[in-house]
Amino acid sequence: MTTKAIFLDFYGTVVHEDDEIIPLICQKIKESSSENCSIQEIGQYWWASFSKKGSYRYFKGG
């Protein structure tokens, strides 16, 4: 197997793409929640909360 890319987060840490794991995590949250919401809504809520905390600003360069 050849390396096509190396992912680094905004702190410089080598990371794994999370496109496959995030929906599974959101599904577990949905199953354990008393709220009636979709997996997409959970993911959107997480991203909005994460972005508000300021960490995403460093990644965007702002």
Protein backbone atom coordinates (compact mmCIF):
# COMPACT_ATOMS: atom_id res chain seq x y z
CA MET A 1 0.00 0.00 0.00
CA THR A 2 1.33 3.43 -0.92
CA THR A 3 0.71 6.57 1.06
CA LYS A 4 -1.47 9.06 -0.81
CA ALA A 5 -1.75 11.72 1.88
CA ILE A 6 -1.03 12.50 5.50
CA PHE A 7 -3.72 14.30 7.48
CA LEU A 8 -2.64 16.80 10.13
CA ASP A 9 -5.04 18.60 12.41
CA PHE A 10 -4.64 22.29 13.15
CA TYR A 11 -2.31 21.46 16.03
CA GLY A 12 0.01 19.48 13.73
CA THR A 13 -1.08 16.08 15.03
CA VAL A 14 -1.29 13.24 12.52
CA VAL A 15 -4.95 12.26 12.30
CA HIS A 16 -7.20 9.75 10.57
CA GLU A 17 -10.07 10.89 8.36
CA ASP A 18 -13.24 10.75 10.43
CA ASP A 19 -15.88 10.51 7.70
CA GLU A 20 -16.57 6.87 8.53
CA ILE A 21 -16.59 7.06 12.32
CA ILE A 22 -18.60 10.26 12.90
CA PRO A 23 -21.92 8.81 11.62
CA LEU A 24 -21.44 5.78 13.91
CA ILE A 25 -20.85 8.03 16.90
CA CYS A 26 -23.88 10.14 16.00
CA GLN A 27 -25.97 6.97 15.72
CA LYS A 28 -24.94 5.90 19.24
CA ILE A 29 -25.85 9.35 20.55
CA LYS A 30 -29.24 9.13 18.81
CA GLU A 31 -29.92 5.70 20.31
CA SER A 32 -29.14 6.87 23.84
CA SER A 33 -30.89 10.24 23.61
CA SER A 34 -34.36 11.06 24.86
CA GLU A 35 -34.61 13.72 22.12
CA ASN A 36 -36.10 12.89 18.74
CA CYS A 37 -33.44 14.04 16.27
CA SER A 38 -31.63 12.79 13.19
CA ILE A 39 -28.01 11.73 12.86
CA GLN A 40 -27.48 14.76 10.61
CA GLU A 41 -28.88 17.11 13.27
CA ILE A 42 -26.55 15.63 15.86
CA GLY A 43 -23.56 16.11 13.55
CA GLN A 44 -24.58 19.68 12.75
CA TYR A 45 -25.04 20.47 16.43
CA TRP A 46 -21.59 19.08 17.27
CA TRP A 47 -19.91 21.06 14.48
CA ALA A 48 -21.67 24.31 15.46
CA SER A 49 -20.70 23.81 19.12
CA PHE A 50 -17.11 22.98 18.20
CA SER A 51 -16.84 26.00 15.92
CA LYS A 52 -18.22 28.37 18.58
CA LYS A 53 -15.54 27.26 21.04
CA GLY A 54 -12.94 28.94 18.83
CA SER A 55 -10.78 25.96 17.87
CA TYR A 56 -11.94 26.11 14.27
CA ARG A 57 -10.72 29.73 13.93
CA TYR A 58 -7.12 28.54 14.09
CA PHE A 59 -7.73 26.02 11.34
CA LYS A 60 -9.34 28.66 9.09
CA GLY A 61 -6.49 31.05 9.77
CA GLY A 62 -8.71 33.67 11.40
